[in-house]
Amino acid sequence: MQSHNKRSEHWVVISGVASVTKNNKEFILKKNESTFIPVKIKHRLANKSRIPLIIIEVQTGQYFGEDDIKRFDDIYGRNNNS
């Protein structure tokens, strides 16, 4: 689970099924569906199936550095950069 202070994201599912969490709401996106992640919204993307998930992520805003990521929960053990 993470957020960004300076950028928004738009996710488009190309193949597979995406499990998306925005704030406290979890929902599913299938092929050709998309969602917009506004600045400062907590979000997470997961693939809960065996089918590979392919998405396109478009970032918009004024700054795209890795130090704009605020991590709240990370199963991969990465540090919070903010």
PDB file of N, CA and C in Angstrom:
ATOM      1  N   MET A   1       0.857  -1.166   0.000  1.00  0.00           N
ATOM      2  CA  MET A   1       0.000   0.000   0.000  1.00  0.00           C
ATOM      3  C   MET A   1       0.901   1.227   0.000  1.00  0.00           C
ATOM      4  N   GLN A   2       0.620   2.152  -0.894  1.00  0.00           N
ATOM      5  CA  GLN A   2       1.455   3.344  -1.013  1.00  0.00           C
ATOM      6  C   GLN A   2       0.625   4.521  -1.508  1.00  0.00           C
ATOM      7  N   SER A   3       1.230   5.705  -1.487  1.00  0.00           N
ATOM      8  CA  SER A   3       0.617   6.898  -2.062  1.00  0.00           C
ATOM      9  C   SER A   3       1.727   7.775  -2.632  1.00  0.00           C
ATOM     10  N   HIS A   4       1.320   8.809  -3.356  1.00  0.00           N
ATOM     11  CA  HIS A   4       2.255   9.765  -3.946  1.00  0.00           C
ATOM     12  C   HIS A   4       1.738  11.175  -3.659  1.00  0.00           C
ATOM     13  N   ASN A   5       2.630  12.090  -3.361  1.00  0.00           N
ATOM     14  CA  ASN A   5       2.248  13.478  -3.104  1.00  0.00           C
ATOM     15  C   ASN A   5       2.290  14.350  -4.346  1.00  0.00           C
ATOM     16  N   LYS A   6       2.988  13.891  -5.396  1.00  0.00           N
ATOM     17  CA  LYS A   6       3.211  14.763  -6.545  1.00  0.00           C
ATOM     18  C   LYS A   6       2.789  14.165  -7.879  1.00  0.00           C
ATOM     19  N   ARG A   7       2.239  12.969  -7.875  1.00  0.00           N
ATOM     20  CA  ARG A   7       1.821  12.374  -9.145  1.00  0.00           C
ATOM     21  C   ARG A   7       0.560  11.539  -8.982  1.00  0.00           C
ATOM     22  N   SER A   8      -0.179  11.449 -10.071  1.00  0.00           N
ATOM     23  CA  SER A   8      -1.339  10.578 -10.190  1.00  0.00           C
ATOM     24  C   SER A   8      -0.965   9.425 -11.115  1.00  0.00           C
ATOM     25  N   GLU A   9      -1.755   8.371 -11.075  1.00  0.00           N
ATOM     26  CA  GLU A   9      -1.517   7.230 -11.948  1.00  0.00           C
ATOM     27  C   GLU A   9      -2.824   6.775 -12.582  1.00  0.00           C
ATOM     28  N   HIS A  10      -2.719   6.280 -13.788  1.00  0.00           N
ATOM     29  CA  HIS A  10      -3.852   5.676 -14.480  1.00  0.00           C
ATOM     30  C   HIS A  10      -3.408   4.278 -14.887  1.00  0.00           C
ATOM     31  N   TRP A  11      -4.132   3.256 -14.426  1.00  0.00           N
ATOM     32  CA  TRP A  11      -3.791   1.868 -14.721  1.00  0.00           C
ATOM     33  C   TRP A  11      -4.788   1.301 -15.720  1.00  0.00           C
ATOM     34  N   VAL A  12      -4.290   0.655 -16.776  1.00  0.00           N
ATOM     35  CA  VAL A  12      -5.116  -0.010 -17.775  1.00  0.00           C
ATOM     36  C   VAL A  12      -4.704  -1.472 -17.831  1.00  0.00           C
ATOM     37  N   VAL A  13      -5.661  -2.375 -17.683  1.00  0.00           N
ATOM     38  CA  VAL A  13      -5.371  -3.810 -17.721  1.00  0.00           C
ATOM     39  C   VAL A  13      -5.321  -4.263 -19.181  1.00  0.00           C
ATOM     40  N   ILE A  14      -4.191  -4.834 -19.564  1.00  0.00           N
ATOM     41  CA  ILE A  14      -3.986  -5.353 -20.917  1.00  0.00           C
ATOM     42  C   ILE A  14      -4.356  -6.836 -20.978  1.00  0.00           C
ATOM     43  N   SER A  15      -3.991  -7.589 -19.938  1.00  0.00           N
ATOM     44  CA  SER A  15      -4.406  -8.986 -19.830  1.00  0.00           C
ATOM     45  C   SER A  15      -4.361  -9.407 -18.371  1.00  0.00           C
ATOM     46  N   GLY A  16      -5.146 -10.426 -18.051  1.00  0.00           N
ATOM     47  CA  GLY A  16      -5.230 -10.891 -16.671  1.00  0.00           C
ATOM     48  C   GLY A  16      -6.321 -10.161 -15.910  1.00  0.00           C
ATOM     49  N   VAL A  17      -6.298 -10.342 -14.602  1.00  0.00           N
ATOM     50  CA  VAL A  17      -7.276  -9.730 -13.705  1.00  0.00           C
ATOM     51  C   VAL A  17      -6.522  -9.048 -12.579  1.00  0.00           C
ATOM     52  N   ALA A  18      -6.772  -7.769 -12.405  1.00  0.00           N
ATOM     53  CA  ALA A  18      -6.089  -6.983 -11.373  1.00  0.00           C
ATOM     54  C   ALA A  18      -6.984  -6.824 -10.155  1.00  0.00           C
ATOM     55  N   SER A  19      -6.400  -7.022  -8.993  1.00  0.00           N
ATOM     56  CA  SER A  19      -7.064  -6.702  -7.738  1.00  0.00           C
ATOM     57  C   SER A  19      -6.503  -5.341  -7.298  1.00  0.00           C
ATOM     58  N   VAL A  20      -7.368  -4.349  -7.224  1.00  0.00           N
ATOM     59  CA  VAL A  20      -6.958  -2.977  -6.946  1.00  0.00           C
ATOM     60  C   VAL A  20      -7.538  -2.539  -5.605  1.00  0.00           C
ATOM     61  N   THR A  21      -6.712  -1.899  -4.806  1.00  0.00           N
ATOM     62  CA  THR A  21      -7.186  -1.273  -3.571  1.00  0.00           C
ATOM     63  C   THR A  21      -6.918   0.214  -3.670  1.00  0.00           C
ATOM     64  N   LYS A  22      -7.968   1.012  -3.467  1.00  0.00           N
ATOM     65  CA  LYS A  22      -7.860   2.475  -3.389  1.00  0.00           C
ATOM     66  C   LYS A  22      -8.466   2.877  -2.052  1.00  0.00           C
ATOM     67  N   ASN A  23      -7.621   3.465  -1.184  1.00  0.00           N
ATOM     68  CA  ASN A  23      -8.006   3.719   0.206  1.00  0.00           C
ATOM     69  C   ASN A  23      -8.491   2.408   0.813  1.00  0.00           C
ATOM     70  N   ASN A  24      -9.712   2.290   1.243  1.00  0.00           N
ATOM     71  CA  ASN A  24     -10.200   1.050   1.873  1.00  0.00           C
ATOM     72  C   ASN A  24     -11.105   0.237   0.965  1.00  0.00           C
ATOM     73  N   LYS A  25     -11.197   0.618  -0.312  1.00  0.00           N
ATOM     74  CA  LYS A  25     -12.081  -0.079  -1.243  1.00  0.00           C
ATOM     75  C   LYS A  25     -11.264  -0.984  -2.166  1.00  0.00           C
ATOM     76  N   GLU A  26     -11.628  -2.277  -2.206  1.00  0.00           N
ATOM     77  CA  GLU A  26     -10.959  -3.226  -3.088  1.00  0.00           C
ATOM     78  C   GLU A  26     -11.922  -3.632  -4.196  1.00  0.00           C
ATOM     79  N   PHE A  27     -11.426  -3.699  -5.427  1.00  0.00           N
ATOM     80  CA  PHE A  27     -12.258  -4.083  -6.559  1.00  0.00           C
ATOM     81  C   PHE A  27     -11.398  -4.760  -7.622  1.00  0.00           C
ATOM     82  N   ILE A  28     -12.057  -5.350  -8.598  1.00  0.00           N
ATOM     83  CA  ILE A  28     -11.401  -6.114  -9.659  1.00  0.00           C
ATOM     84  C   ILE A  28     -11.475  -5.331 -10.968  1.00  0.00           C
ATOM     85  N   LEU A  29     -10.370  -5.367 -11.721  1.00  0.00           N
ATOM     86  CA  LEU A  29     -10.345  -4.838 -13.080  1.00  0.00           C
ATOM     87  C   LEU A  29      -9.960  -5.967 -14.023  1.00  0.00           C
ATOM     88  N   LYS A  30     -10.682  -6.076 -15.130  1.00  0.00           N
ATOM     89  CA  LYS A  30     -10.395  -7.089 -16.144  1.00  0.00           C
ATOM     90  C   LYS A  30      -9.833  -6.419 -17.397  1.00  0.00           C
ATOM     91  N   LYS A  31      -9.484  -7.217 -18.374  1.00  0.00           N
ATOM     92  CA  LYS A  31      -8.916  -6.720 -19.625  1.00  0.00           C
ATOM     93  C   LYS A  31      -9.740  -5.567 -20.182  1.00  0.00           C
ATOM     94  N   ASN A  32      -9.049  -4.510 -20.601  1.00  0.00           N
ATOM     95  CA  ASN A  32      -9.629  -3.292 -21.176  1.00  0.00           C
ATOM     96  C   ASN A  32     -10.327  -2.393 -20.161  1.00  0.00           C
ATOM     97  N   GLU A  33     -10.227  -2.692 -18.884  1.00  0.00           N
ATOM     98  CA  GLU A  33     -10.772  -1.809 -17.851  1.00  0.00           C
ATOM     99  C   GLU A  33      -9.631  -1.006 -17.236  1.00  0.00           C
ATOM    100  N   SER A  34      -9.981   0.122 -16.617  1.00  0.00           N
ATOM    101  CA  SER A  34      -8.942   0.998 -16.065  1.00  0.00           C
ATOM    102  C   SER A  34      -9.433   1.689 -14.808  1.00  0.00           C
ATOM    103  N   THR A  35      -8.489   2.302 -14.098  1.00  0.00           N
ATOM    104  CA  THR A  35      -8.812   3.112 -12.932  1.00  0.00           C
ATOM    105  C   THR A  35      -7.815   4.251 -12.824  1.00  0.00           C
ATOM    106  N   PHE A  36      -8.256   5.325 -12.205  1.00  0.00           N
ATOM    107  CA  PHE A  36      -7.420   6.498 -11.983  1.00  0.00           C
ATOM    108  C   PHE A  36      -7.091   6.589 -10.503  1.00  0.00           C
ATOM    109  N   ILE A  37      -5.809   6.789 -10.191  1.00  0.00           N
ATOM    110  CA  ILE A  37      -5.346   6.926  -8.809  1.00  0.00           C
ATOM    111  C   ILE A  37      -4.918   8.379  -8.604  1.00  0.00           C
ATOM    112  N   PRO A  38      -5.746   9.193  -7.938  1.00  0.00           N
ATOM    113  CA  PRO A  38      -5.382  10.599  -7.717  1.00  0.00           C
ATOM    114  C   PRO A  38      -4.216  10.761  -6.740  1.00  0.00           C
ATOM    115  N   VAL A  39      -3.605  11.917  -6.744  1.00  0.00           N
ATOM    116  CA  VAL A  39      -2.545  12.269  -5.800  1.00  0.00           C
ATOM    117  C   VAL A  39      -3.041  12.029  -4.376  1.00  0.00           C
ATOM    118  N   LYS A  40      -2.168  11.492  -3.527  1.00  0.00           N
ATOM    119  CA  LYS A  40      -2.375  11.270  -2.090  1.00  0.00           C
ATOM    120  C   LYS A  40      -3.354  10.161  -1.738  1.00  0.00           C
ATOM    121  N   ILE A  41      -3.865   9.422  -2.719  1.00  0.00           N
ATOM    122  CA  ILE A  41      -4.766   8.297  -2.443  1.00  0.00           C
ATOM    123  C   ILE A  41      -3.921   7.041  -2.202  1.00  0.00           C
ATOM    124  N   LYS A  42      -4.172   6.345  -1.095  1.00  0.00           N
ATOM    125  CA  LYS A  42      -3.487   5.082  -0.829  1.00  0.00           C
ATOM    126  C   LYS A  42      -3.955   4.059  -1.860  1.00  0.00           C
ATOM    127  N   HIS A  43      -2.994   3.304  -2.405  1.00  0.00           N
ATOM    128  CA  HIS A  43      -3.359   2.336  -3.437  1.00  0.00           C
ATOM    129  C   HIS A  43      -2.425   1.135  -3.438  1.00  0.00           C
ATOM    130  N   ARG A  44      -2.954   0.049  -4.021  1.00  0.00           N
ATOM    131  CA  ARG A  44      -2.205  -1.210  -4.125  1.00  0.00           C
ATOM    132  C   ARG A  44      -2.729  -1.965  -5.348  1.00  0.00           C
ATOM    133  N   LEU A  45      -1.834  -2.662  -6.019  1.00  0.00           N
ATOM    134  CA  LEU A  45      -2.177  -3.495  -7.166  1.00  0.00           C
ATOM    135  C   LEU A  45      -1.707  -4.909  -6.868  1.00  0.00           C
ATOM    136  N   ALA A  46      -2.557  -5.896  -7.131  1.00  0.00           N
ATOM    137  CA  ALA A  46      -2.176  -7.289  -6.883  1.00  0.00           C
ATOM    138  C   ALA A  46      -2.735  -8.184  -7.974  1.00  0.00           C
ATOM    139  N   ASN A  47      -2.049  -9.294  -8.188  1.00  0.00           N
ATOM    140  CA  ASN A  47      -2.516 -10.340  -9.079  1.00  0.00           C
ATOM    141  C   ASN A  47      -2.796 -11.561  -8.204  1.00  0.00           C
ATOM    142  N   LYS A  48      -4.073 -11.889  -8.030  1.00  0.00           N
ATOM    143  CA  LYS A  48      -4.444 -13.004  -7.160  1.00  0.00           C
ATOM    144  C   LYS A  48      -4.765 -14.266  -7.947  1.00  0.00           C
ATOM    145  N   SER A  49      -4.427 -14.286  -9.240  1.00  0.00           N
ATOM    146  CA  SER A  49      -4.673 -15.477 -10.051  1.00  0.00           C
ATOM    147  C   SER A  49      -3.353 -16.013 -10.602  1.00  0.00           C
ATOM    148  N   ARG A  50      -3.429 -17.144 -11.255  1.00  0.00           N
ATOM    149  CA  ARG A  50      -2.233 -17.739 -11.862  1.00  0.00           C
ATOM    150  C   ARG A  50      -1.951 -17.165 -13.250  1.00  0.00           C
ATOM    151  N   ILE A  51      -2.918 -16.474 -13.817  1.00  0.00           N
ATOM    152  CA  ILE A  51      -2.753 -15.870 -15.144  1.00  0.00           C
ATOM    153  C   ILE A  51      -1.902 -14.615 -14.993  1.00  0.00           C
ATOM    154  N   PRO A  52      -0.876 -14.454 -15.823  1.00  0.00           N
ATOM    155  CA  PRO A  52      -0.054 -13.240 -15.716  1.00  0.00           C
ATOM    156  C   PRO A  52      -0.890 -11.974 -15.893  1.00  0.00           C
ATOM    157  N   LEU A  53      -0.599 -10.980 -15.073  1.00  0.00           N
ATOM    158  CA  LEU A  53      -1.270  -9.675 -15.145  1.00  0.00           C
ATOM    159  C   LEU A  53      -0.351  -8.706 -15.864  1.00  0.00           C
ATOM    160  N   ILE A  54      -0.863  -8.083 -16.914  1.00  0.00           N
ATOM    161  CA  ILE A  54      -0.114  -7.058 -17.639  1.00  0.00           C
ATOM    162  C   ILE A  54      -0.936  -5.784 -17.611  1.00  0.00           C
ATOM    163  N   ILE A  55      -0.319  -4.699 -17.118  1.00  0.00           N
ATOM    164  CA  ILE A  55      -0.998  -3.410 -17.097  1.00  0.00           C
ATOM    165  C   ILE A  55      -0.103  -2.359 -17.747  1.00  0.00           C
ATOM    166  N   ILE A  56      -0.738  -1.277 -18.148  1.00  0.00           N
ATOM    167  CA  ILE A  56      -0.017  -0.071 -18.533  1.00  0.00           C
ATOM    168  C   ILE A  56      -0.286   0.941 -17.436  1.00  0.00           C
ATOM    169  N   GLU A  57       0.783   1.559 -16.935  1.00  0.00           N
ATOM    170  CA  GLU A  57       0.651   2.600 -15.918  1.00  0.00           C
ATOM    171  C   GLU A  57       1.102   3.919 -16.530  1.00  0.00           C
ATOM    172  N   VAL A  58       0.212   4.895 -16.528  1.00  0.00           N
ATOM    173  CA  VAL A  58       0.542   6.229 -17.008  1.00  0.00           C
ATOM    174  C   VAL A  58       0.588   7.150 -15.795  1.00  0.00           C
ATOM    175  N   GLN A  59       1.738   7.795 -15.603  1.00  0.00           N
ATOM    176  CA  GLN A  59       1.903   8.719 -14.481  1.00  0.00           C
ATOM    177  C   GLN A  59       1.788  10.149 -14.990  1.00  0.00           C
ATOM    178  N   THR A  60       1.048  10.978 -14.251  1.00  0.00           N
ATOM    179  CA  THR A  60       0.924  12.393 -14.601  1.00  0.00           C
ATOM    180  C   THR A  60       1.216  13.225 -13.370  1.00  0.00           C
ATOM    181  N   GLY A  61       1.768  14.408 -13.588  1.00  0.00           N
ATOM    182  CA  GLY A  61       2.091  15.296 -12.479  1.00  0.00           C
ATOM    183  C   GLY A  61       3.348  16.081 -12.776  1.00  0.00           C
ATOM    184  N   GLN A  62       3.920  16.658 -11.735  1.00  0.00           N
ATOM    185  CA  GLN A  62       5.091  17.510 -11.887  1.00  0.00           C
ATOM    186  C   GLN A  62       6.403  16.806 -11.538  1.00  0.00           C
ATOM    187  N   TYR A  63       6.323  15.664 -10.839  1.00  0.00           N
ATOM    188  CA  TYR A  63       7.533  15.000 -10.364  1.00  0.00           C
ATOM    189  C   TYR A  63       7.296  13.497 -10.301  1.00  0.00           C
ATOM    190  N   PHE A  64       8.288  12.707 -10.761  1.00  0.00           N
ATOM    191  CA  PHE A  64       8.108  11.263 -10.863  1.00  0.00           C
ATOM    192  C   PHE A  64       9.205  10.463 -10.163  1.00  0.00           C
ATOM    193  N   GLY A  65       9.979  11.097  -9.298  1.00  0.00           N
ATOM    194  CA  GLY A  65      11.068  10.427  -8.603  1.00  0.00           C
ATOM    195  C   GLY A  65      10.578   9.365  -7.630  1.00  0.00           C
ATOM    196  N   GLU A  66      11.445   8.386  -7.368  1.00  0.00           N
ATOM    197  CA  GLU A  66      11.111   7.311  -6.430  1.00  0.00           C
ATOM    198  C   GLU A  66      10.892   7.830  -5.011  1.00  0.00           C
ATOM    199  N   ASP A  67      11.455   8.979  -4.686  1.00  0.00           N
ATOM    200  CA  ASP A  67      11.274   9.525  -3.338  1.00  0.00           C
ATOM    201  C   ASP A  67       9.889  10.145  -3.146  1.00  0.00           C
ATOM    202  N   ASP A  68       9.026  10.076  -4.152  1.00  0.00           N
ATOM    203  CA  ASP A  68       7.635  10.513  -4.014  1.00  0.00           C
ATOM    204  C   ASP A  68       6.726   9.349  -3.592  1.00  0.00           C
ATOM    205  N   ILE A  69       7.301   8.206  -3.294  1.00  0.00           N
ATOM    206  CA  ILE A  69       6.511   7.047  -2.861  1.00  0.00           C
ATOM    207  C   ILE A  69       6.484   7.005  -1.345  1.00  0.00           C
ATOM    208  N   LYS A  70       5.291   7.050  -0.778  1.00  0.00           N
ATOM    209  CA  LYS A  70       5.113   6.869   0.667  1.00  0.00           C
ATOM    210  C   LYS A  70       4.523   5.477   0.857  1.00  0.00           C
ATOM    211  N   ARG A  71       5.285   4.582   1.467  1.00  0.00           N
ATOM    212  CA  ARG A  71       4.843   3.200   1.661  1.00  0.00           C
ATOM    213  C   ARG A  71       4.189   3.032   3.031  1.00  0.00           C
ATOM    214  N   PHE A  72       3.034   2.366   3.025  1.00  0.00           N
ATOM    215  CA  PHE A  72       2.317   2.067   4.261  1.00  0.00           C
ATOM    216  C   PHE A  72       2.446   0.599   4.626  1.00  0.00           C
ATOM    217  N   ASP A  73       2.568  -0.243   3.618  1.00  0.00           N
ATOM    218  CA  ASP A  73       2.667  -1.688   3.822  1.00  0.00           C
ATOM    219  C   ASP A  73       3.374  -2.252   2.599  1.00  0.00           C
ATOM    220  N   ASP A  74       4.435  -3.042   2.809  1.00  0.00           N
ATOM    221  CA  ASP A  74       5.203  -3.555   1.688  1.00  0.00           C
ATOM    222  C   ASP A  74       5.701  -4.951   2.010  1.00  0.00           C
ATOM    223  N   ILE A  75       5.125  -5.954   1.363  1.00  0.00           N
ATOM    224  CA  ILE A  75       5.508  -7.338   1.621  1.00  0.00           C
ATOM    225  C   ILE A  75       6.899  -7.665   1.102  1.00  0.00           C
ATOM    226  N   TYR A  76       7.495  -6.744   0.324  1.00  0.00           N
ATOM    227  CA  TYR A  76       8.815  -6.971  -0.232  1.00  0.00           C
ATOM    228  C   TYR A  76       9.926  -6.331   0.597  1.00  0.00           C
ATOM    229  N   GLY A  77       9.579  -5.695   1.693  1.00  0.00           N
ATOM    230  CA  GLY A  77      10.581  -5.153   2.604  1.00  0.00           C
ATOM    231  C   GLY A  77      11.291  -3.898   2.139  1.00  0.00           C
ATOM    232  N   ARG A  78      10.706  -3.182   1.169  1.00  0.00           N
ATOM    233  CA  ARG A  78      11.329  -1.933   0.727  1.00  0.00           C
ATOM    234  C   ARG A  78      11.065  -0.856   1.759  1.00  0.00           C
ATOM    235  N   ASN A  79      12.003   0.070   1.879  1.00  0.00           N
ATOM    236  CA  ASN A  79      11.883   1.164   2.841  1.00  0.00           C
ATOM    237  C   ASN A  79      10.966   2.252   2.325  1.00  0.00           C
ATOM    238  N   ASN A  80      10.375   2.993   3.261  1.00  0.00           N
ATOM    239  CA  ASN A  80       9.587   4.158   2.912  1.00  0.00           C
ATOM    240  C   ASN A  80      10.548   5.261   2.501  1.00  0.00           C
ATOM    241  N   ASN A  81      10.365   5.822   1.319  1.00  0.00           N
ATOM    242  CA  ASN A  81      11.269   6.831   0.787  1.00  0.00           C
ATOM    243  C   ASN A  81      10.902   8.255   1.173  1.00  0.00           C
ATOM    244  N   SER A  82       9.774   8.477   1.801  1.00  0.00           N
ATOM    245  CA  SER A  82       9.379   9.853   2.095  1.00  0.00           C
ATOM    246  C   SER A  82       9.589  10.199   3.536  1.00  0.00           C
TER     247      SER A  82
END
